[in-house]
C-alpha atoms as a PDB file:
ATOM      1  CA  MET A   1     -18.492  -0.677  -2.311  1.00  0.00           C
ATOM      2  CA  HIS A   2     -15.570  -2.095  -4.245  1.00  0.00           C
ATOM      3  CA  ILE A   3     -12.073  -1.321  -2.968  1.00  0.00           C
ATOM      4  CA  THR A   4      -9.029  -2.287  -5.025  1.00  0.00           C
ATOM      5  CA  ILE A   5      -5.757  -2.678  -3.138  1.00  0.00           C
ATOM      6  CA  THR A   6      -2.316  -3.054  -4.643  1.00  0.00           C
ATOM      7  CA  GLY A   7       1.110  -2.090  -3.392  1.00  0.00           C
ATOM      8  CA  ASN A   8       4.688  -3.102  -2.737  1.00  0.00           C
ATOM      9  CA  LEU A   9       5.540  -6.708  -1.979  1.00  0.00           C
ATOM     10  CA  GLY A  10       5.527  -7.200   1.790  1.00  0.00           C
ATOM     11  CA  SER A  11       3.431  -4.110   2.463  1.00  0.00           C
ATOM     12  CA  GLY A  12       0.852  -6.118   4.406  1.00  0.00           C
ATOM     13  CA  LYS A  13      -1.985  -6.068   1.884  1.00  0.00           C
ATOM     14  CA  SER A  14      -3.218  -9.565   2.747  1.00  0.00           C
ATOM     15  CA  THR A  15      -3.395  -8.775   6.474  1.00  0.00           C
ATOM     16  CA  ILE A  16      -5.182  -5.489   5.761  1.00  0.00           C
ATOM     17  CA  CYS A  17      -7.703  -7.289   3.550  1.00  0.00           C
ATOM     18  CA  LYS A  18      -8.292  -9.876   6.273  1.00  0.00           C
ATOM     19  CA  LEU A  19      -9.060  -7.090   8.759  1.00  0.00           C
ATOM     20  CA  LEU A  20     -11.458  -5.421   6.319  1.00  0.00           C
ATOM     21  CA  ASN A  21     -13.173  -8.784   5.926  1.00  0.00           C
ATOM     22  CA  GLU A  22     -13.432  -9.458   9.668  1.00  0.00           C
ATOM     23  CA  LYS A  23     -14.341  -5.958  10.861  1.00  0.00           C
ATOM     24  CA  TYR A  24     -16.317  -4.543   7.927  1.00  0.00           C
ATOM     25  CA  GLN A  25     -17.582  -7.749   6.232  1.00  0.00           C
ATOM     26  CA  PHE A  26     -15.908  -7.201   2.852  1.00  0.00           C
ATOM     27  CA  GLU A  27     -15.476 -10.275   0.692  1.00  0.00           C
ATOM     28  CA  ILE A  28     -11.879 -10.815  -0.487  1.00  0.00           C
ATOM     29  CA  TYR A  29     -10.736 -11.610  -4.011  1.00  0.00           C
ATOM     30  CA  SER A  30      -6.961 -12.192  -4.083  1.00  0.00           C
ATOM     31  CA  THR A  31      -5.048 -12.727  -7.322  1.00  0.00           C
ATOM     32  CA  GLY A  32      -1.831 -13.176  -5.309  1.00  0.00           C
ATOM     33  CA  LYS A  33      -3.264 -16.323  -3.754  1.00  0.00           C
ATOM     34  CA  VAL A  34      -4.237 -17.576  -7.213  1.00  0.00           C
ATOM     35  CA  GLN A  35      -0.714 -16.876  -8.478  1.00  0.00           C
ATOM     36  CA  ARG A  36       1.027 -18.592  -5.542  1.00  0.00           C
ATOM     37  CA  GLU A  37      -1.163 -21.666  -5.990  1.00  0.00           C
ATOM     38  CA  LEU A  38      -0.323 -21.708  -9.698  1.00  0.00           C
ATOM     39  CA  ALA A  39       3.420 -21.496  -8.886  1.00  0.00           C
ATOM     40  CA  ARG A  40       3.031 -24.363  -6.401  1.00  0.00           C
ATOM     41  CA  GLN A  41       1.257 -26.540  -8.977  1.00  0.00           C
ATOM     42  CA  MET A  42       3.996 -25.843 -11.528  1.00  0.00           C
ATOM     43  CA  ASN A  43       6.764 -26.473  -8.945  1.00  0.00           C
ATOM     44  CA  MET A  44       8.121 -22.936  -9.393  1.00  0.00           C
ATOM     45  CA  THR A  45       8.953 -19.954  -7.214  1.00  0.00           C
ATOM     46  CA  THR A  46       6.742 -16.891  -7.649  1.00  0.00           C
ATOM     47  CA  LEU A  47       9.690 -15.069  -9.246  1.00  0.00           C
ATOM     48  CA  GLU A  48      10.108 -17.895 -11.790  1.00  0.00           C
ATOM     49  CA  LEU A  49       6.393 -17.804 -12.576  1.00  0.00           C
ATOM     50  CA  ASN A  50       6.538 -14.028 -13.056  1.00  0.00           C
ATOM     51  CA  GLN A  51       9.387 -14.490 -15.511  1.00  0.00           C
ATOM     52  CA  LEU A  52       7.414 -17.165 -17.393  1.00  0.00           C
ATOM     53  CA  MET A  53       4.379 -14.891 -17.521  1.00  0.00           C
ATOM     54  CA  ARG A  54       6.464 -12.322 -19.400  1.00  0.00           C
ATOM     55  CA  SER A  55       6.598 -14.683 -22.394  1.00  0.00           C
ATOM     56  CA  ASP A  56       3.173 -16.308 -22.021  1.00  0.00           C
ATOM     57  CA  HIS A  57       0.394 -13.808 -21.320  1.00  0.00           C
ATOM     58  CA  LYS A  58      -2.397 -16.368 -21.003  1.00  0.00           C
ATOM     59  CA  TYR A  59      -1.962 -16.445 -17.215  1.00  0.00           C
ATOM     60  CA  ASP A  60      -2.307 -12.671 -16.906  1.00  0.00           C
ATOM     61  CA  ASN A  61      -5.328 -12.618 -19.190  1.00  0.00           C
ATOM     62  CA  MET A  62      -6.978 -15.415 -17.235  1.00  0.00           C
ATOM     63  CA  ILE A  63      -6.559 -13.600 -13.910  1.00  0.00           C
ATOM     64  CA  ASP A  64      -7.508 -10.150 -15.223  1.00  0.00           C
ATOM     65  CA  ASP A  65     -10.611 -11.388 -17.061  1.00  0.00           C
ATOM     66  CA  ALA A  66     -11.802 -13.073 -13.875  1.00  0.00           C
ATOM     67  CA  THR A  67     -11.259  -9.852 -11.895  1.00  0.00           C
ATOM     68  CA  ALA A  68     -13.308  -7.774 -14.348  1.00  0.00           C
ATOM     69  CA  ARG A  69     -16.089 -10.367 -14.453  1.00  0.00           C
ATOM     70  CA  ILE A  70     -16.378 -10.618 -10.666  1.00  0.00           C
ATOM     71  CA  SER A  71     -16.611  -6.837 -10.341  1.00  0.00           C
ATOM     72  CA  ARG A  72     -19.350  -6.598 -12.998  1.00  0.00           C
ATOM     73  CA  GLU A  73     -21.412  -9.448 -11.575  1.00  0.00           C
ATOM     74  CA  ASN A  74     -21.213  -8.290  -7.936  1.00  0.00           C
ATOM     75  CA  LYS A  75     -21.891  -4.558  -7.970  1.00  0.00           C
ATOM     76  CA  ASP A  76     -24.199  -4.905  -4.960  1.00  0.00           C
ATOM     77  CA  LYS A  77     -21.527  -6.545  -2.749  1.00  0.00           C
ATOM     78  CA  ASN A  78     -18.731  -5.108  -0.628  1.00  0.00           C
ATOM     79  CA  ILE A  79     -15.565  -6.588  -2.125  1.00  0.00           C
ATOM     80  CA  ILE A  80     -11.857  -6.043  -1.538  1.00  0.00           C
ATOM     81  CA  PHE A  81      -9.769  -6.852  -4.627  1.00  0.00           C
ATOM     82  CA  ASP A  82      -6.229  -7.710  -3.502  1.00  0.00           C
ATOM     83  CA  SER A  83      -4.592  -7.475  -6.908  1.00  0.00           C
ATOM     84  CA  ARG A  84      -1.794  -5.670  -8.746  1.00  0.00           C
ATOM     85  CA  LEU A  85      -4.052  -4.426 -11.556  1.00  0.00           C
ATOM     86  CA  ALA A  86      -7.596  -4.564 -10.170  1.00  0.00           C
ATOM     87  CA  TRP A  87      -7.553  -0.741  -9.997  1.00  0.00           C
ATOM     88  CA  HIS A  88      -7.503  -0.856 -13.812  1.00  0.00           C
ATOM     89  CA  PHE A  89      -9.907  -3.753 -14.464  1.00  0.00           C
ATOM     90  CA  VAL A  90     -12.604  -3.141 -11.843  1.00  0.00           C
ATOM     91  CA  GLU A  91     -15.098  -0.729 -13.394  1.00  0.00           C
ATOM     92  CA  GLN A  92     -15.718   1.427 -10.307  1.00  0.00           C
ATOM     93  CA  SER A  93     -13.618   1.249  -7.163  1.00  0.00           C
ATOM     94  CA  PHE A  94     -11.783   3.190  -4.483  1.00  0.00           C
ATOM     95  CA  LYS A  95      -8.181   2.635  -5.556  1.00  0.00           C
ATOM     96  CA  VAL A  96      -5.549   2.087  -2.850  1.00  0.00           C
ATOM     97  CA  PHE A  97      -1.772   1.599  -3.041  1.00  0.00           C
ATOM     98  CA  VAL A  98       0.045   0.392   0.097  1.00  0.00           C
ATOM     99  CA  SER A  99       3.736   1.320   0.095  1.00  0.00           C
ATOM    100  CA  VAL A 100       6.528   0.119   2.392  1.00  0.00           C
ATOM    101  CA  ASP A 101      10.292   0.437   2.851  1.00  0.00           C
ATOM    102  CA  LEU A 102      12.019  -2.423   0.981  1.00  0.00           C
ATOM    103  CA  GLU A 103      14.086  -3.658   3.932  1.00  0.00           C
ATOM    104  CA  VAL A 104      11.042  -3.628   6.228  1.00  0.00           C
ATOM    105  CA  ALA A 105       9.143  -5.560   3.552  1.00  0.00           C
ATOM    106  CA  ALA A 106      11.933  -8.151   3.347  1.00  0.00           C
ATOM    107  CA  LYS A 107      11.883  -8.674   7.126  1.00  0.00           C
ATOM    108  CA  ARG A 108       8.115  -9.176   7.062  1.00  0.00           C
ATOM    109  CA  VAL A 109       8.214 -11.648   4.180  1.00  0.00           C
ATOM    110  CA  MET A 110      10.941 -13.692   5.892  1.00  0.00           C
ATOM    111  CA  LEU A 111       8.735 -14.030   8.973  1.00  0.00           C
ATOM    112  CA  ASP A 112       5.728 -15.036   6.859  1.00  0.00           C
ATOM    113  CA  THR A 113       5.017 -18.633   5.870  1.00  0.00           C
ATOM    114  CA  ARG A 114       4.094 -18.722   2.199  1.00  0.00           C
ATOM    115  CA  GLY A 115       5.688 -22.054   1.315  1.00  0.00           C
ATOM    116  CA  VAL A 116       8.848 -22.999  -0.564  1.00  0.00           C
ATOM    117  CA  GLU A 117       7.753 -21.085  -3.651  1.00  0.00           C
ATOM    118  CA  GLU A 118       8.301 -17.838  -1.728  1.00  0.00           C
ATOM    119  CA  SER A 119      11.106 -18.395   0.822  1.00  0.00           C
ATOM    120  CA  TYR A 120      14.491 -16.728   1.373  1.00  0.00           C
ATOM    121  CA  ARG A 121      17.769 -17.756   3.042  1.00  0.00           C
ATOM    122  CA  SER A 122      18.788 -14.307   4.300  1.00  0.00           C
ATOM    123  CA  LEU A 123      17.592 -10.716   4.590  1.00  0.00           C
ATOM    124  CA  GLU A 124      19.962  -9.678   1.801  1.00  0.00           C
ATOM    125  CA  GLU A 125      18.552 -12.357  -0.513  1.00  0.00           C
ATOM    126  CA  ALA A 126      14.980 -11.321   0.352  1.00  0.00           C
ATOM    127  CA  VAL A 127      15.724  -7.650  -0.438  1.00  0.00           C
ATOM    128  CA  LYS A 128      17.385  -8.608  -3.748  1.00  0.00           C
ATOM    129  CA  LEU A 129      14.678 -11.031  -4.900  1.00  0.00           C
ATOM    130  CA  LEU A 130      11.772  -8.816  -3.834  1.00  0.00           C
ATOM    131  CA  ALA A 131      13.273  -5.956  -5.846  1.00  0.00           C
ATOM    132  CA  GLU A 132      13.788  -8.280  -8.841  1.00  0.00           C
ATOM    133  CA  ARG A 133      10.250  -9.607  -8.634  1.00  0.00           C
ATOM    134  CA  ALA A 134       8.775  -6.109  -8.412  1.00  0.00           C
ATOM    135  CA  ASN A 135      10.814  -5.002 -11.419  1.00  0.00           C
ATOM    136  CA  THR A 136       9.771  -8.097 -13.391  1.00  0.00           C
ATOM    137  CA  GLU A 137       6.110  -7.381 -12.674  1.00  0.00           C
ATOM    138  CA  LYS A 138       6.511  -3.708 -13.586  1.00  0.00           C
ATOM    139  CA  ILE A 139       8.113  -4.614 -16.933  1.00  0.00           C
ATOM    140  CA  ARG A 140       5.500  -7.294 -17.668  1.00  0.00           C
ATOM    141  CA  TYR A 141       2.530  -5.006 -17.044  1.00  0.00           C
ATOM    142  CA  LYS A 142       4.139  -2.306 -19.166  1.00  0.00           C
ATOM    143  CA  GLU A 143       4.647  -4.777 -22.016  1.00  0.00           C
ATOM    144  CA  ILE A 144       1.162  -6.296 -21.841  1.00  0.00           C
ATOM    145  CA  TYR A 145      -1.047  -3.333 -20.936  1.00  0.00           C
ATOM    146  CA  ASN A 146       1.221  -0.255 -21.169  1.00  0.00           C
ATOM    147  CA  LEU A 147       0.481   0.355 -17.477  1.00  0.00           C
ATOM    148  CA  ASN A 148       2.731   1.415 -14.612  1.00  0.00           C
ATOM    149  CA  TYR A 149       1.153   0.156 -11.400  1.00  0.00           C
ATOM    150  CA  MET A 150       3.896   1.953  -9.419  1.00  0.00           C
ATOM    151  CA  ASP A 151       2.635   5.341 -10.631  1.00  0.00           C
ATOM    152  CA  TYR A 152       0.902   6.831  -7.576  1.00  0.00           C
ATOM    153  CA  SER A 153      -1.325   9.065  -9.731  1.00  0.00           C
ATOM    154  CA  ASN A 154      -3.382   5.949 -10.576  1.00  0.00           C
ATOM    155  CA  TYR A 155      -4.766   5.786  -7.030  1.00  0.00           C
ATOM    156  CA  ASN A 156      -7.190   7.619  -4.771  1.00  0.00           C
ATOM    157  CA  LEU A 157      -5.139   6.780  -1.682  1.00  0.00           C
ATOM    158  CA  VAL A 158      -1.452   5.959  -1.256  1.00  0.00           C
ATOM    159  CA  ILE A 159      -0.731   4.891   2.310  1.00  0.00           C
ATOM    160  CA  ASP A 160       2.612   3.794   3.741  1.00  0.00           C
ATOM    161  CA  SER A 161       2.705   0.814   6.097  1.00  0.00           C
ATOM    162  CA  THR A 162       6.369   1.008   7.171  1.00  0.00           C
ATOM    163  CA  TYR A 163       5.576   2.280  10.676  1.00  0.00           C
ATOM    164  CA  CYS A 164       1.802   1.790  10.811  1.00  0.00           C
ATOM    165  CA  THR A 165      -0.128  -1.202  12.078  1.00  0.00           C
ATOM    166  CA  PRO A 166      -2.467  -3.097   9.734  1.00  0.00           C
ATOM    167  CA  GLU A 167      -5.349  -1.978  11.985  1.00  0.00           C
ATOM    168  CA  GLN A 168      -4.476   1.700  11.450  1.00  0.00           C
ATOM    169  CA  ILE A 169      -4.171   1.155   7.700  1.00  0.00           C
ATOM    170  CA  ALA A 170      -7.498  -0.716   7.442  1.00  0.00           C
ATOM    171  CA  GLU A 171      -9.382   1.918   9.448  1.00  0.00           C
ATOM    172  CA  THR A 172      -7.926   4.741   7.373  1.00  0.00           C
ATOM    173  CA  ILE A 173      -8.865   2.993   4.111  1.00  0.00           C
ATOM    174  CA  ILE A 174     -12.474   2.657   5.264  1.00  0.00           C
ATOM    175  CA  ILE A 175     -12.651   6.291   6.406  1.00  0.00           C
ATOM    176  CA  LYS A 176     -11.284   7.584   3.115  1.00  0.00           C
ATOM    177  CA  ALA A 177     -13.357   5.169   1.007  1.00  0.00           C
ATOM    178  CA  ARG A 178     -16.553   6.349   2.716  1.00  0.00           C
ATOM    179  CA  GLU A 179     -15.574   9.993   2.191  1.00  0.00           C
ATOM    180  CA  TYR A 180     -14.967   9.166  -1.468  1.00  0.00           C
ATOM    181  CA  GLU A 181     -18.439   7.628  -1.860  1.00  0.00           C
ATOM    182  CA  GLU A 182     -20.221  10.360   0.083  1.00  0.00           C
ATOM    183  CA  LYS A 183     -18.691  13.049  -2.130  1.00  0.00           C
ATOM    184  CA  GLY A 184     -19.788  11.278  -5.322  1.00  0.00           C
ATOM    185  CA  CYS A 185     -16.504   9.573  -6.165  1.00  0.00           C
ATOM    186  CA  PRO A 186     -14.425  12.686  -6.984  1.00  0.00           C
ATOM    187  CA  GLU A 187     -10.923  12.585  -8.402  1.00  0.00           C
ATOM    188  CA  THR A 188      -8.821  12.348  -5.248  1.00  0.00           C
ATOM    189  CA  ASN A 189      -5.208  11.461  -4.562  1.00  0.00           C
ATOM    190  CA  TYR A 190      -4.283  11.357  -0.881  1.00  0.00           C
ATOM    191  CA  ARG A 191      -0.814  10.271   0.160  1.00  0.00           C
ATOM    192  CA  LEU A 192      -0.330   9.367   3.812  1.00  0.00           C
ATOM    193  CA  LEU A 193       2.618   8.110   5.848  1.00  0.00           C
ATOM    194  CA  SER A 194       3.801   7.988   9.422  1.00  0.00           C
ATOM    195  CA  PRO A 195       5.591  11.068  10.778  1.00  0.00           C
ATOM    196  CA  LYS A 196       8.341   8.582  11.758  1.00  0.00           C
ATOM    197  CA  SER A 197       9.242   8.494   8.055  1.00  0.00           C
ATOM    198  CA  LEU A 198       9.870  12.257   8.155  1.00  0.00           C
ATOM    199  CA  VAL A 199      11.483  12.956  11.527  1.00  0.00           C
ATOM    200  CA  SER A 200      13.044  10.898  14.299  1.00  0.00           C
ATOM    201  CA  GLU A 201      13.126  11.307  18.057  1.00  0.00           C
ATOM    202  CA  ASP A 202      16.744  12.479  17.682  1.00  0.00           C
ATOM    203  CA  ASP A 203      15.571  15.407  15.523  1.00  0.00           C
ATOM    204  CA  ILE A 204      13.390  16.772  18.329  1.00  0.00           C
ATOM    205  CA  LYS A 205      14.946  19.063  20.939  1.00  0.00           C
ATOM    206  CA  ASP A 206      13.599  20.065  24.341  1.00  0.00           C
ATOM    207  CA  GLU A 207      12.712  23.514  23.001  1.00  0.00           C
ATOM    208  CA  ASP A 208      10.592  21.872  20.280  1.00  0.00           C
ATOM    209  CA  LYS A 209       8.443  20.197  22.921  1.00  0.00           C
ATOM    210  CA  SER A 210       7.877  23.560  24.543  1.00  0.00           C
ATOM    211  CA  ASN A 211       7.416  25.639  21.382  1.00  0.00           C
ATOM    212  CA  LEU A 212       5.068  23.092  19.796  1.00  0.00           C
ATOM    213  CA  LYS A 213       2.964  22.481  22.908  1.00  0.00           C
ATOM    214  CA  GLU A 214      -0.200  24.055  21.471  1.00  0.00           C
ATOM    215  CA  LEU A 215       0.132  22.227  18.149  1.00  0.00           C
ATOM    216  CA  ILE A 216       0.799  18.913  19.905  1.00  0.00           C
ATOM    217  CA  SER A 217      -2.333  19.391  22.028  1.00  0.00           C
ATOM    218  CA  LYS A 218      -4.356  20.112  18.879  1.00  0.00           C
ATOM    219  CA  PHE A 219      -3.044  17.042  17.064  1.00  0.00           C
ATOM    220  CA  LYS A 220      -3.788  14.740  20.000  1.00  0.00           C
ATOM    221  CA  LYS A 221      -7.484  15.425  19.394  1.00  0.00           C
ATOM    222  CA  MET A 222      -7.275  14.220  15.782  1.00  0.00           C
ATOM    223  CA  ASP A 223      -8.851  10.828  15.078  1.00  0.00           C
ATOM    224  CA  TYR A 224      -6.190   9.467  12.747  1.00  0.00           C
ATOM    225  CA  MET A 225      -4.359  12.173  10.784  1.00  0.00           C
ATOM    226  CA  ILE A 226      -3.564  15.884  10.815  1.00  0.00           C
ATOM    227  CA  PRO A 227      -5.235  18.333   8.390  1.00  0.00           C
ATOM    228  CA  HIS A 228      -1.961  19.930   7.219  1.00  0.00           C
ATOM    229  CA  GLU A 229      -0.169  18.681   4.091  1.00  0.00           C
ATOM    230  CA  ILE A 230       3.596  18.403   4.555  1.00  0.00           C
ATOM    231  CA  ILE A 231       5.743  19.181   1.507  1.00  0.00           C
ATOM    232  CA  VAL A 232       8.571  16.683   1.051  1.00  0.00           C
ATOM    233  CA  GLU A 233      11.291  15.653  -1.369  1.00  0.00           C
ATOM    234  CA  LYS A 234      12.959  12.248  -1.657  1.00  0.00           C
ATOM    235  CA  ARG A 235      16.756  12.191  -1.597  1.00  0.00           C
ATOM    236  CA  ASP A 236      18.774   8.965  -1.513  1.00  0.00           C
ATOM    237  CA  ASN A 237      15.590   7.040  -0.694  1.00  0.00           C
ATOM    238  CA  GLN A 238      14.929   9.266   2.345  1.00  0.00           C
ATOM    239  CA  PHE A 239      12.207  11.889   2.776  1.00  0.00           C
ATOM    240  CA  VAL A 240      13.343  15.463   3.423  1.00  0.00           C
ATOM    241  CA  VAL A 241      10.752  17.939   4.730  1.00  0.00           C
ATOM    242  CA  LEU A 242      10.662  21.150   2.685  1.00  0.00           C
ATOM    243  CA  GLU A 243       7.629  22.726   4.365  1.00  0.00           C
ATOM    244  CA  GLY A 244       5.815  21.718   7.543  1.00  0.00           C
ATOM    245  CA  LEU A 245       8.668  20.474   9.718  1.00  0.00           C
ATOM    246  CA  ASN A 246       7.001  21.760  12.895  1.00  0.00           C
ATOM    247  CA  GLU A 247       3.790  19.944  11.957  1.00  0.00           C
ATOM    248  CA  ALA A 248       5.746  16.711  11.374  1.00  0.00           C
ATOM    249  CA  LYS A 249       7.478  17.029  14.747  1.00  0.00           C
ATOM    250  CA  ALA A 250       4.223  17.834  16.551  1.00  0.00           C
ATOM    251  CA  ALA A 251       2.478  14.879  14.892  1.00  0.00           C
ATOM    252  CA  LEU A 252       5.249  12.541  16.045  1.00  0.00           C
ATOM    253  CA  LEU A 253       5.111  13.871  19.612  1.00  0.00           C
ATOM    254  CA  ALA A 254       1.298  13.647  19.614  1.00  0.00           C
ATOM    255  CA  GLY A 255       1.368  10.013  18.489  1.00  0.00           C
ATOM    256  CA  VAL A 256      -0.522  10.696  15.254  1.00  0.00           C
ATOM    257  CA  PRO A 257      -0.197   7.575  13.070  1.00  0.00           C
ATOM    258  CA  LEU A 258      -0.418   9.283   9.662  1.00  0.00           C
ATOM    259  CA  VAL A 259       0.236  12.642   8.045  1.00  0.00           C
ATOM    260  CA  PRO A 260      -0.665  13.805   4.518  1.00  0.00           C
ATOM    261  CA  ILE A 261       2.270  14.639   2.256  1.00  0.00           C
ATOM    262  CA  VAL A 262       2.896  16.145  -1.153  1.00  0.00           C
ATOM    263  CA  GLU A 263       6.124  15.052  -2.842  1.00  0.00           C
ATOM    264  CA  LYS A 264       7.957  17.568  -4.991  1.00  0.00           C
END
């Protein structure tokens, strides 16, 4: 099985890949590590290297050619490709995008130790530079390949890590990847996030706990996610539930880590 993982900066992809390696014996191929090492050798920050790569595509071509070659030559191995564009270059894979709130991502990156080429003096600077770097990458990939890696329709699974642990994310990826293989690799596009992204404890009244008792009991028996899709809309960078508010509340009260959503 080949699984390709991309996502927002600071979404926890590297930690998730490490867990998949340790628990499920997947080999890891990380282009981010290659890129950070290249930035270190050139005495640059990763943002500066990304800007350079916009004018000199040899670095992108080198990384992407290696990704495609490794996937072709190792079809019999379980490999996790931790890469922005591996979903496009790996011939057959379960394609995953890991999303995260930008401020949460900035806090995580500030606590990480990636060297001087990827360090920040404040949370505000981290938010600003992470957004700039993501935009630079998006523009570069559009210019080189006419691809938008931020388009969720490219992926079989979009899973949000803002409120979920890396362990929950890794387990869910394996469950969905196995379902994908067992069903003959159908066209699928699941989008999952924590009910905490949809409702808060303050939104839940005492009568909700009583009225939703049966649904809460049902959801507590679920392994990792509820079977009901919740219809949402994004307004001012916040999710608003259009349909399925009771299900979102019950999932939160039941401690369900993930719920499936459809964004209108």
